[in-house]
């Protein structure tokens, strides 16, 4: 099993199957900026690996993913919120390769 440098994602390749585990169970694996960056950095090489035929996503702890993490957003100015959202959208773009991946993607 391989851990990302941030410790937010673990991967394990077994044969032609890559298991990707979101590992922030204390916040139900909610997606924040750090998680988006970790997903982007983790998934880009996986989706380019011709030996991986299936990618399975799962979440550590009691939930797969609680959705978008809003903590810290309300305490910053409107202009800063807009800039932050723009950065997140740009960061998410490579992660959206899930939908364009040639390998079937599922979650457990």
Protein backbone atom coordinates (compact mmCIF):
# COMPACT_ATOMS: atom_id res chain seq x y z
CA UNK A 1 0.00 0.00 0.00
CA UNK A 2 1.28 3.46 -0.93
CA UNK A 3 0.49 6.63 1.01
CA UNK A 4 0.45 10.13 -0.51
CA UNK A 5 2.82 12.69 0.99
CA UNK A 6 -0.17 14.41 2.60
CA UNK A 7 -1.39 11.15 4.13
CA UNK A 8 -4.88 11.81 2.75
CA UNK A 9 -4.94 8.98 0.22
CA UNK A 10 -3.65 5.43 0.13
CA UNK A 11 -3.36 3.35 -3.03
CA UNK A 12 -2.86 -0.34 -3.57
CA UNK A 13 -2.56 -2.12 -6.89
CA UNK A 14 -3.55 -5.78 -6.95
CA UNK A 15 -3.20 -7.22 -10.42
CA UNK A 16 -5.17 -4.98 -12.77
CA UNK A 17 -7.18 -3.31 -9.97
CA UNK A 18 -6.10 -0.13 -8.20
CA UNK A 19 -7.75 0.59 -4.85
CA UNK A 20 -7.76 4.28 -3.87
CA UNK A 21 -8.72 4.99 -0.26
CA UNK A 22 -9.62 8.48 0.97
CA UNK A 23 -8.07 8.63 4.43
CA UNK A 24 -9.54 11.48 6.45
CA UNK A 25 -12.06 9.53 8.56
CA UNK A 26 -12.13 12.20 11.29
CA UNK A 27 -14.01 14.44 8.84
CA UNK A 28 -15.80 11.63 6.98
CA UNK A 29 -13.37 12.04 4.05
CA UNK A 30 -14.89 15.40 3.12
CA UNK A 31 -13.28 16.99 0.08
CA UNK A 32 -11.31 20.16 0.78
CA UNK A 33 -8.53 21.80 -1.20
CA UNK A 34 -5.87 19.42 0.17
CA UNK A 35 -7.97 16.38 -0.76
CA UNK A 36 -8.51 17.70 -4.30
CA UNK A 37 -4.77 18.21 -4.75
CA UNK A 38 -4.05 14.74 -3.32
CA UNK A 39 -6.64 13.16 -5.65
CA UNK A 40 -5.21 14.99 -8.65
CA UNK A 41 -1.65 14.00 -7.84
CA UNK A 42 -2.62 10.40 -7.07
CA UNK A 43 -4.98 9.72 -9.95
CA UNK A 44 -3.06 11.29 -12.84
CA UNK A 45 -0.43 8.51 -13.00
CA UNK A 46 -3.00 5.78 -12.26
CA UNK A 47 -5.13 6.78 -15.23
CA UNK A 48 -2.04 6.72 -17.47
CA UNK A 49 -1.02 3.21 -16.34
CA UNK A 50 -2.11 0.78 -19.06
CA UNK A 51 -1.76 -2.12 -16.59
CA UNK A 52 -4.58 -0.75 -14.40
CA UNK A 53 -7.94 -1.86 -15.79
CA UNK A 54 -10.23 -0.91 -12.87
CA UNK A 55 -10.04 1.83 -10.23
CA UNK A 56 -12.00 1.31 -6.99
CA UNK A 57 -12.54 4.24 -4.62
CA UNK A 58 -13.35 3.78 -0.96
CA UNK A 59 -13.31 5.85 2.19
CA UNK A 60 -11.58 5.04 5.46
CA UNK A 61 -13.83 4.97 8.51
CA UNK A 62 -17.59 4.94 8.55
CA UNK A 63 -18.31 6.88 5.37
CA UNK A 64 -17.12 7.07 1.79
CA UNK A 65 -17.22 10.88 1.53
CA UNK A 66 -19.30 13.55 3.26
CA UNK A 67 -19.01 15.86 0.24
CA UNK A 68 -17.46 19.33 0.13
CA UNK A 69 -15.76 20.60 3.31
CA UNK A 70 -16.88 24.12 4.14
CA UNK A 71 -14.78 24.79 7.27
CA UNK A 72 -12.80 27.99 7.15
CA UNK A 73 -14.67 29.37 4.14
CA UNK A 74 -17.16 31.52 6.09
CA UNK A 75 -14.41 33.34 7.99
CA UNK A 76 -12.78 34.88 4.91
CA UNK A 77 -13.87 37.84 2.76
CA UNK A 78 -16.15 37.49 -0.26
CA UNK A 79 -13.28 38.31 -2.68
CA UNK A 80 -11.05 35.75 -0.99
CA UNK A 81 -13.86 33.17 -1.15
CA UNK A 82 -14.20 33.78 -4.90
CA UNK A 83 -10.44 33.44 -5.42
CA UNK A 84 -10.36 30.26 -3.34
CA UNK A 85 -13.26 28.75 -5.29
CA UNK A 86 -11.53 29.59 -8.56
CA UNK A 87 -8.35 27.82 -7.36
CA UNK A 88 -10.39 24.78 -6.30
CA UNK A 89 -12.16 24.62 -9.65
CA UNK A 90 -8.83 24.79 -11.46
CA UNK A 91 -7.43 22.09 -9.14
CA UNK A 92 -10.52 19.92 -9.69
CA UNK A 93 -10.21 19.95 -13.46
CA UNK A 94 -7.49 17.27 -13.59
CA UNK A 95 -9.42 15.23 -11.01
CA UNK A 96 -12.42 15.22 -13.30
CA UNK A 97 -10.43 12.81 -15.45
CA UNK A 98 -12.39 10.18 -13.50
CA UNK A 99 -15.14 10.74 -16.02
CA UNK A 100 -12.75 10.66 -18.97
CA UNK A 101 -10.70 7.67 -17.79
CA UNK A 102 -10.57 4.60 -20.00
CA UNK A 103 -10.53 2.39 -16.89
CA UNK A 104 -13.87 1.67 -15.21
CA UNK A 105 -14.17 3.64 -11.97
CA UNK A 106 -16.34 2.61 -9.04
CA UNK A 107 -16.60 3.22 -5.32
CA UNK A 108 -17.18 0.87 -2.42
